[in-house]
Amino acid sequence: MRRPVDYSGEMRRASSPGVRLFFLALGTVFFVIGLVGVVMPVLPTTPFMLLAAGCYARASARFYNWLMNHPAFGPTLVEWRRHRAIPYRTKLWAIALMSLTLASSIVFFVEALWAKAALAVLGVGLAFWLYRVPSRDRPARG
């Protein structure tokens, strides 16, 4: 078991108790939405965990350190925080699940042609953006 790292030096804690409470509540909402995203592929987990970490960094060293040291979410959050990068495998999984979810929505659930086109354009745009986010562990082309 790895020893927890203290990330509280990275925090910009808000000075007002009311603002800290607001960020704590908002961070918890983002965390819960991110948890829902773990089981619902249409809802991305990582962006909501990034938002939760950002809110916790303004509110609570305890919650921020807990999330940054979390075995499932922590490595991706630390990679983003330190290098503004997403692990290559995480990126590919996100694109694959998003594509599968959007394709099934387009084929089975959405009837209006304009809505199908909008979902397709949204999916291609998100996949393109996500693919262009750097990955430090990307295999070399060869």
N, C-alpha and C. Protein backbone atom coordinates (compact mmCIF):
# COMPACT_ATOMS: atom_id res chain seq x y z
N MET A 1 0.85 -1.19 0.00
CA MET A 1 0.00 0.00 0.00
C MET A 1 0.89 1.24 0.00
N ARG A 2 0.58 2.16 -0.87
CA ARG A 2 1.44 3.34 -0.97
C ARG A 2 1.06 4.38 0.08
N ARG A 3 2.05 5.09 0.50
CA ARG A 3 1.88 6.10 1.55
C ARG A 3 1.19 7.34 0.95
N PRO A 4 0.17 7.88 1.63
CA PRO A 4 -0.51 9.08 1.10
C PRO A 4 0.45 10.27 0.99
N VAL A 5 0.26 11.03 -0.06
CA VAL A 5 1.05 12.24 -0.31
C VAL A 5 0.24 13.43 0.17
N ASP A 6 0.90 14.41 0.76
CA ASP A 6 0.21 15.62 1.20
C ASP A 6 0.24 16.65 0.06
N TYR A 7 -0.91 16.89 -0.54
CA TYR A 7 -1.03 17.84 -1.65
C TYR A 7 -1.51 19.21 -1.19
N SER A 8 -1.61 19.44 0.12
CA SER A 8 -2.18 20.69 0.61
C SER A 8 -1.35 21.91 0.22
N GLY A 9 -0.09 21.74 -0.13
CA GLY A 9 0.73 22.85 -0.58
C GLY A 9 0.28 23.40 -1.93
N GLU A 10 -0.48 22.61 -2.68
CA GLU A 10 -0.98 23.05 -3.99
C GLU A 10 -2.29 23.82 -3.89
N MET A 11 -2.86 23.87 -2.70
CA MET A 11 -4.19 24.47 -2.53
C MET A 11 -4.12 25.99 -2.53
N ARG A 12 -5.21 26.58 -3.00
CA ARG A 12 -5.44 28.03 -2.86
C ARG A 12 -6.73 28.17 -2.06
N ARG A 13 -6.63 27.92 -0.79
CA ARG A 13 -7.81 27.89 0.08
C ARG A 13 -8.46 29.26 0.19
N ALA A 14 -9.76 29.28 0.03
CA ALA A 14 -10.51 30.54 0.15
C ALA A 14 -10.46 31.02 1.59
N SER A 15 -10.42 32.34 1.77
CA SER A 15 -10.30 32.89 3.12
C SER A 15 -11.63 32.94 3.86
N SER A 16 -12.72 33.06 3.15
CA SER A 16 -14.03 33.17 3.78
C SER A 16 -14.63 31.80 4.07
N PRO A 17 -15.12 31.58 5.30
CA PRO A 17 -15.75 30.30 5.62
C PRO A 17 -16.97 30.01 4.73
N GLY A 18 -17.71 31.03 4.38
CA GLY A 18 -18.87 30.84 3.51
C GLY A 18 -18.47 30.38 2.11
N VAL A 19 -17.40 30.97 1.59
CA VAL A 19 -16.91 30.58 0.26
C VAL A 19 -16.37 29.15 0.32
N ARG A 20 -15.65 28.82 1.40
CA ARG A 20 -15.14 27.45 1.54
C ARG A 20 -16.28 26.44 1.61
N LEU A 21 -17.34 26.77 2.32
CA LEU A 21 -18.50 25.88 2.41
C LEU A 21 -19.16 25.71 1.04
N PHE A 22 -19.25 26.81 0.29
CA PHE A 22 -19.80 26.75 -1.07
C PHE A 22 -18.97 25.82 -1.95
N PHE A 23 -17.63 25.99 -1.92
CA PHE A 23 -16.76 25.15 -2.74
C PHE A 23 -16.79 23.69 -2.28
N LEU A 24 -16.93 23.47 -0.99
CA LEU A 24 -17.03 22.10 -0.47
C LEU A 24 -18.31 21.43 -0.99
N ALA A 25 -19.42 22.16 -0.92
CA ALA A 25 -20.69 21.61 -1.42
C ALA A 25 -20.62 21.39 -2.93
N LEU A 26 -20.09 22.34 -3.66
CA LEU A 26 -19.99 22.22 -5.12
C LEU A 26 -19.06 21.06 -5.50
N GLY A 27 -17.95 20.93 -4.79
CA GLY A 27 -17.03 19.83 -5.04
C GLY A 27 -17.69 18.48 -4.79
N THR A 28 -18.51 18.40 -3.76
CA THR A 28 -19.21 17.16 -3.46
C THR A 28 -20.24 16.84 -4.55
N VAL A 29 -20.92 17.85 -5.06
CA VAL A 29 -21.86 17.64 -6.16
C VAL A 29 -21.12 17.11 -7.38
N PHE A 30 -19.99 17.72 -7.73
CA PHE A 30 -19.21 17.25 -8.88
C PHE A 30 -18.68 15.83 -8.65
N PHE A 31 -18.28 15.54 -7.41
CA PHE A 31 -17.79 14.20 -7.10
C PHE A 31 -18.90 13.17 -7.30
N VAL A 32 -20.08 13.45 -6.83
CA VAL A 32 -21.21 12.52 -6.97
C VAL A 32 -21.56 12.33 -8.45
N ILE A 33 -21.58 13.42 -9.21
CA ILE A 33 -21.85 13.31 -10.65
C ILE A 33 -20.76 12.45 -11.31
N GLY A 34 -19.52 12.64 -10.90
CA GLY A 34 -18.43 11.82 -11.42
C GLY A 34 -18.61 10.35 -11.09
N LEU A 35 -19.08 10.06 -9.88
CA LEU A 35 -19.36 8.67 -9.50
C LEU A 35 -20.46 8.07 -10.36
N VAL A 36 -21.48 8.85 -10.65
CA VAL A 36 -22.54 8.38 -11.54
C VAL A 36 -21.95 8.08 -12.91
N GLY A 37 -20.99 8.90 -13.34
CA GLY A 37 -20.34 8.69 -14.63
C GLY A 37 -19.55 7.40 -14.71
N VAL A 38 -19.16 6.84 -13.57
CA VAL A 38 -18.44 5.57 -13.57
C VAL A 38 -19.33 4.46 -14.12
N VAL A 39 -20.62 4.51 -13.81
CA VAL A 39 -21.54 3.45 -14.24
C VAL A 39 -22.39 3.83 -15.45
N MET A 40 -22.39 5.10 -15.80
CA MET A 40 -23.16 5.56 -16.97
C MET A 40 -22.19 6.12 -18.01
N PRO A 41 -21.91 5.36 -19.06
CA PRO A 41 -20.89 5.79 -20.02
C PRO A 41 -21.20 7.11 -20.73
N VAL A 42 -22.45 7.54 -20.75
CA VAL A 42 -22.78 8.79 -21.42
C VAL A 42 -22.28 10.00 -20.61
N LEU A 43 -21.98 9.78 -19.34
CA LEU A 43 -21.55 10.84 -18.45
C LEU A 43 -20.06 10.66 -18.15
N PRO A 44 -19.21 11.60 -18.54
CA PRO A 44 -17.78 11.41 -18.32
C PRO A 44 -17.41 11.57 -16.85
N THR A 45 -16.53 10.74 -16.36
CA THR A 45 -16.10 10.80 -14.96
C THR A 45 -14.99 11.82 -14.74
N THR A 46 -13.97 11.76 -15.57
CA THR A 46 -12.76 12.55 -15.33
C THR A 46 -13.01 14.05 -15.22
N PRO A 47 -13.77 14.68 -16.14
CA PRO A 47 -13.97 16.13 -15.99
C PRO A 47 -14.63 16.51 -14.67
N PHE A 48 -15.57 15.68 -14.21
CA PHE A 48 -16.24 16.00 -12.95
C PHE A 48 -15.31 15.79 -11.75
N MET A 49 -14.42 14.81 -11.83
CA MET A 49 -13.44 14.63 -10.76
C MET A 49 -12.43 15.78 -10.76
N LEU A 50 -12.08 16.27 -11.95
CA LEU A 50 -11.20 17.44 -12.02
C LEU A 50 -11.86 18.66 -11.40
N LEU A 51 -13.15 18.84 -11.68
CA LEU A 51 -13.89 19.96 -11.08
C LEU A 51 -13.99 19.79 -9.57
N ALA A 52 -14.25 18.56 -9.12
CA ALA A 52 -14.33 18.30 -7.68
C ALA A 52 -13.00 18.63 -7.02
N ALA A 53 -11.89 18.19 -7.62
CA ALA A 53 -10.57 18.47 -7.05
C ALA A 53 -10.31 19.97 -7.01
N GLY A 54 -10.71 20.69 -8.05
CA GLY A 54 -10.53 22.14 -8.07
C GLY A 54 -11.32 22.82 -6.96
N CYS A 55 -12.53 22.35 -6.75
CA CYS A 55 -13.36 22.93 -5.67
C CYS A 55 -12.78 22.58 -4.30
N TYR A 56 -12.39 21.33 -4.11
CA TYR A 56 -11.81 20.91 -2.83
C TYR A 56 -10.50 21.65 -2.55
N ALA A 57 -9.75 21.99 -3.60
CA ALA A 57 -8.50 22.74 -3.42
C ALA A 57 -8.77 24.14 -2.87
N ARG A 58 -9.96 24.65 -3.06
CA ARG A 58 -10.34 25.96 -2.52
C ARG A 58 -11.02 25.85 -1.16
N ALA A 59 -11.39 24.59 -0.75
CA ALA A 59 -12.23 24.45 0.42
C ALA A 59 -11.62 23.65 1.56
N SER A 60 -11.03 22.49 1.27
CA SER A 60 -10.68 21.57 2.35
C SER A 60 -9.45 20.74 2.00
N ALA A 61 -8.41 20.85 2.82
CA ALA A 61 -7.21 20.04 2.62
C ALA A 61 -7.53 18.56 2.79
N ARG A 62 -8.43 18.25 3.71
CA ARG A 62 -8.78 16.85 3.96
C ARG A 62 -9.40 16.20 2.73
N PHE A 63 -10.41 16.85 2.15
CA PHE A 63 -11.08 16.28 0.98
C PHE A 63 -10.18 16.31 -0.26
N TYR A 64 -9.40 17.38 -0.41
CA TYR A 64 -8.50 17.48 -1.55
C TYR A 64 -7.46 16.37 -1.50
N ASN A 65 -6.82 16.18 -0.35
CA ASN A 65 -5.83 15.12 -0.21
C ASN A 65 -6.46 13.74 -0.40
N TRP A 66 -7.66 13.55 0.13
CA TRP A 66 -8.34 12.26 -0.04
C TRP A 66 -8.56 11.96 -1.52
N LEU A 67 -9.06 12.93 -2.27
CA LEU A 67 -9.34 12.71 -3.69
C LEU A 67 -8.05 12.53 -4.49
N MET A 68 -7.04 13.33 -4.21
CA MET A 68 -5.78 13.22 -4.94
C MET A 68 -5.06 11.90 -4.65
N ASN A 69 -5.29 11.31 -3.49
CA ASN A 69 -4.68 10.04 -3.11
C ASN A 69 -5.59 8.84 -3.38
N HIS A 70 -6.78 9.08 -3.91
CA HIS A 70 -7.73 7.99 -4.18
C HIS A 70 -7.11 7.02 -5.19
N PRO A 71 -7.19 5.71 -4.92
CA PRO A 71 -6.54 4.76 -5.82
C PRO A 71 -7.10 4.75 -7.25
N ALA A 72 -8.37 5.02 -7.41
CA ALA A 72 -8.96 4.99 -8.75
C ALA A 72 -8.87 6.34 -9.47
N PHE A 73 -9.12 7.42 -8.77
CA PHE A 73 -9.19 8.74 -9.40
C PHE A 73 -7.90 9.54 -9.28
N GLY A 74 -7.14 9.30 -8.23
CA GLY A 74 -5.95 10.08 -7.94
C GLY A 74 -4.91 10.13 -9.04
N PRO A 75 -4.50 8.99 -9.61
CA PRO A 75 -3.45 9.06 -10.63
C PRO A 75 -3.79 9.96 -11.82
N THR A 76 -5.03 9.90 -12.28
CA THR A 76 -5.44 10.76 -13.40
C THR A 76 -5.46 12.22 -12.97
N LEU A 77 -5.92 12.50 -11.76
CA LEU A 77 -5.96 13.88 -11.27
C LEU A 77 -4.55 14.44 -11.09
N VAL A 78 -3.66 13.64 -10.55
CA VAL A 78 -2.27 14.09 -10.37
C VAL A 78 -1.61 14.33 -11.73
N GLU A 79 -1.86 13.43 -12.67
CA GLU A 79 -1.29 13.60 -14.02
C GLU A 79 -1.78 14.91 -14.64
N TRP A 80 -3.05 15.22 -14.49
CA TRP A 80 -3.59 16.47 -15.03
C TRP A 80 -3.01 17.67 -14.29
N ARG A 81 -2.97 17.59 -12.98
CA ARG A 81 -2.51 18.70 -12.16
C ARG A 81 -1.04 19.05 -12.44
N ARG A 82 -0.22 18.02 -12.57
CA ARG A 82 1.21 18.25 -12.74
C ARG A 82 1.63 18.50 -14.18
N HIS A 83 0.97 17.83 -15.13
CA HIS A 83 1.45 17.86 -16.51
C HIS A 83 0.40 18.31 -17.54
N ARG A 84 -0.80 18.58 -17.08
CA ARG A 84 -1.91 18.91 -18.00
C ARG A 84 -2.03 17.84 -19.08
N ALA A 85 -1.95 16.58 -18.64
CA ALA A 85 -2.02 15.44 -19.54
C ALA A 85 -3.01 14.41 -19.00
N ILE A 86 -3.50 13.56 -19.89
CA ILE A 86 -4.40 12.48 -19.52
C ILE A 86 -3.71 11.18 -19.93
N PRO A 87 -3.70 10.17 -19.04
CA PRO A 87 -3.08 8.90 -19.43
C PRO A 87 -3.68 8.37 -20.73
N TYR A 88 -2.83 7.84 -21.59
CA TYR A 88 -3.24 7.42 -22.93
C TYR A 88 -4.37 6.39 -22.88
N ARG A 89 -4.23 5.40 -22.02
CA ARG A 89 -5.27 4.36 -21.92
C ARG A 89 -6.61 4.95 -21.46
N THR A 90 -6.58 5.87 -20.51
CA THR A 90 -7.80 6.53 -20.04
C THR A 90 -8.47 7.28 -21.18
N LYS A 91 -7.66 7.96 -21.96
CA LYS A 91 -8.17 8.73 -23.10
C LYS A 91 -8.84 7.80 -24.12
N LEU A 92 -8.19 6.70 -24.45
CA LEU A 92 -8.77 5.77 -25.42
C LEU A 92 -10.07 5.14 -24.92
N TRP A 93 -10.10 4.76 -23.64
CA TRP A 93 -11.33 4.22 -23.06
C TRP A 93 -12.46 5.25 -23.11
N ALA A 94 -12.14 6.48 -22.77
CA ALA A 94 -13.16 7.54 -22.78
C ALA A 94 -13.72 7.74 -24.19
N ILE A 95 -12.86 7.77 -25.17
CA ILE A 95 -13.31 7.96 -26.56
C ILE A 95 -14.14 6.77 -27.01
N ALA A 96 -13.71 5.55 -26.68
CA ALA A 96 -14.45 4.35 -27.09
C ALA A 96 -15.82 4.30 -26.44
N LEU A 97 -15.90 4.53 -25.14
CA LEU A 97 -17.20 4.48 -24.46
C LEU A 97 -18.12 5.61 -24.90
N MET A 98 -17.55 6.79 -25.11
CA MET A 98 -18.36 7.90 -25.58
C MET A 98 -18.90 7.60 -26.98
N SER A 99 -18.08 7.03 -27.84
CA SER A 99 -18.51 6.70 -29.20
C SER A 99 -19.62 5.65 -29.17
N LEU A 100 -19.44 4.63 -28.36
CA LEU A 100 -20.45 3.58 -28.23
C LEU A 100 -21.78 4.13 -27.72
N THR A 101 -21.70 4.97 -26.70
CA THR A 101 -22.91 5.54 -26.12
C THR A 101 -23.62 6.47 -27.10
N LEU A 102 -22.87 7.36 -27.73
CA LEU A 102 -23.49 8.29 -28.67
C LEU A 102 -24.05 7.55 -29.89
N ALA A 103 -23.33 6.55 -30.38
CA ALA A 103 -23.82 5.78 -31.53
C ALA A 103 -25.11 5.05 -31.19
N SER A 104 -25.18 4.44 -30.01
CA SER A 104 -26.42 3.75 -29.63
C SER A 104 -27.56 4.74 -29.43
N SER A 105 -27.26 5.92 -28.91
CA SER A 105 -28.30 6.95 -28.76
C SER A 105 -28.82 7.38 -30.13
N ILE A 106 -27.90 7.59 -31.06
CA ILE A 106 -28.29 8.03 -32.40
C ILE A 106 -29.13 6.97 -33.10
N VAL A 107 -28.75 5.71 -32.97
CA VAL A 107 -29.44 4.63 -33.68
C VAL A 107 -30.76 4.25 -33.01
N PHE A 108 -30.77 4.14 -31.69
CA PHE A 108 -31.92 3.56 -31.02
C PHE A 108 -32.86 4.54 -30.31
N PHE A 109 -32.40 5.69 -29.91
CA PHE A 109 -33.20 6.53 -29.03
C PHE A 109 -33.61 7.88 -29.61
N VAL A 110 -32.81 8.47 -30.43
CA VAL A 110 -33.09 9.81 -30.95
C VAL A 110 -33.78 9.67 -32.31
N GLU A 111 -34.91 10.37 -32.45
CA GLU A 111 -35.66 10.26 -33.69
C GLU A 111 -35.42 11.41 -34.66
N ALA A 112 -35.30 12.61 -34.14
CA ALA A 112 -35.16 13.78 -35.00
C ALA A 112 -33.79 13.77 -35.70
N LEU A 113 -33.83 13.99 -37.00
CA LEU A 113 -32.60 13.96 -37.80
C LEU A 113 -31.62 15.04 -37.34
N TRP A 114 -32.12 16.24 -37.02
CA TRP A 114 -31.24 17.31 -36.58
C TRP A 114 -30.56 16.95 -35.26
N ALA A 115 -31.26 16.23 -34.37
CA ALA A 115 -30.69 15.83 -33.09
C ALA A 115 -29.63 14.75 -33.29
N LYS A 116 -29.89 13.84 -34.23
CA LYS A 116 -28.88 12.82 -34.55
C LYS A 116 -27.61 13.48 -35.08
N ALA A 117 -27.79 14.44 -35.97
CA ALA A 117 -26.64 15.15 -36.53
C ALA A 117 -25.90 15.93 -35.44
N ALA A 118 -26.65 16.57 -34.54
CA ALA A 118 -26.02 17.33 -33.46
C ALA A 118 -25.21 16.41 -32.54
N LEU A 119 -25.76 15.25 -32.21
CA LEU A 119 -25.02 14.29 -31.38
C LEU A 119 -23.76 13.79 -32.09
N ALA A 120 -23.88 13.54 -33.37
CA ALA A 120 -22.72 13.07 -34.13
C ALA A 120 -21.63 14.15 -34.16
N VAL A 121 -22.00 15.38 -34.42
CA VAL A 121 -21.03 16.47 -34.46
C VAL A 121 -20.41 16.68 -33.07
N LEU A 122 -21.24 16.64 -32.04
CA LEU A 122 -20.75 16.78 -30.67
C LEU A 122 -19.76 15.66 -30.35
N GLY A 123 -20.09 14.43 -30.69
CA GLY A 123 -19.22 13.30 -30.42
C GLY A 123 -17.89 13.40 -31.14
N VAL A 124 -17.92 13.75 -32.41
CA VAL A 124 -16.68 13.89 -33.17
C VAL A 124 -15.84 15.03 -32.60
N GLY A 125 -16.49 16.14 -32.26
CA GLY A 125 -15.76 17.27 -31.68
C GLY A 125 -15.11 16.92 -30.35
N LEU A 126 -15.86 16.25 -29.47
CA LEU A 126 -15.31 15.86 -28.17
C LEU A 126 -14.19 14.85 -28.32
N ALA A 127 -14.37 13.88 -29.21
CA ALA A 127 -13.33 12.88 -29.43
C ALA A 127 -12.06 13.54 -29.97
N PHE A 128 -12.21 14.46 -30.91
CA PHE A 128 -11.06 15.17 -31.47
C PHE A 128 -10.33 15.97 -30.39
N TRP A 129 -11.11 16.71 -29.60
CA TRP A 129 -10.50 17.49 -28.51
C TRP A 129 -9.78 16.59 -27.53
N LEU A 130 -10.44 15.52 -27.10
CA LEU A 130 -9.85 14.62 -26.12
C LEU A 130 -8.59 13.95 -26.66
N TYR A 131 -8.62 13.57 -27.91
CA TYR A 131 -7.45 12.93 -28.50
C TYR A 131 -6.26 13.87 -28.55
N ARG A 132 -6.53 15.16 -28.70
CA ARG A 132 -5.44 16.14 -28.80
C ARG A 132 -4.87 16.55 -27.44
N VAL A 133 -5.54 16.20 -26.34
CA VAL A 133 -4.97 16.47 -25.02
C VAL A 133 -3.72 15.61 -24.88
N PRO A 134 -2.62 16.17 -24.42
CA PRO A 134 -1.37 15.40 -24.34
C PRO A 134 -1.47 14.18 -23.43
N SER A 135 -0.70 13.15 -23.78
CA SER A 135 -0.52 11.95 -22.96
C SER A 135 0.97 11.68 -22.89
N ARG A 136 1.51 11.72 -21.69
CA ARG A 136 2.94 11.51 -21.53
C ARG A 136 3.33 10.05 -21.73
N ASP A 137 2.37 9.14 -21.58
CA ASP A 137 2.67 7.71 -21.70
C ASP A 137 2.24 7.13 -23.04
N ARG A 138 2.03 7.98 -24.01
CA ARG A 138 1.60 7.50 -25.34
C ARG A 138 2.72 6.68 -25.99
N PRO A 139 2.36 5.50 -26.54
CA PRO A 139 3.40 4.69 -27.20
C PRO A 139 3.96 5.42 -28.42
N ALA A 140 5.23 5.19 -28.68
CA ALA A 140 5.89 5.83 -29.83
C ALA A 140 5.33 5.24 -31.13
N ARG A 141 5.16 6.10 -32.10
CA ARG A 141 4.71 5.63 -33.42
C ARG A 141 5.89 4.99 -34.13
N GLY A 142 5.61 3.92 -34.82
CA GLY A 142 6.75 3.32 -35.47
C GLY A 142 6.35 2.31 -36.41
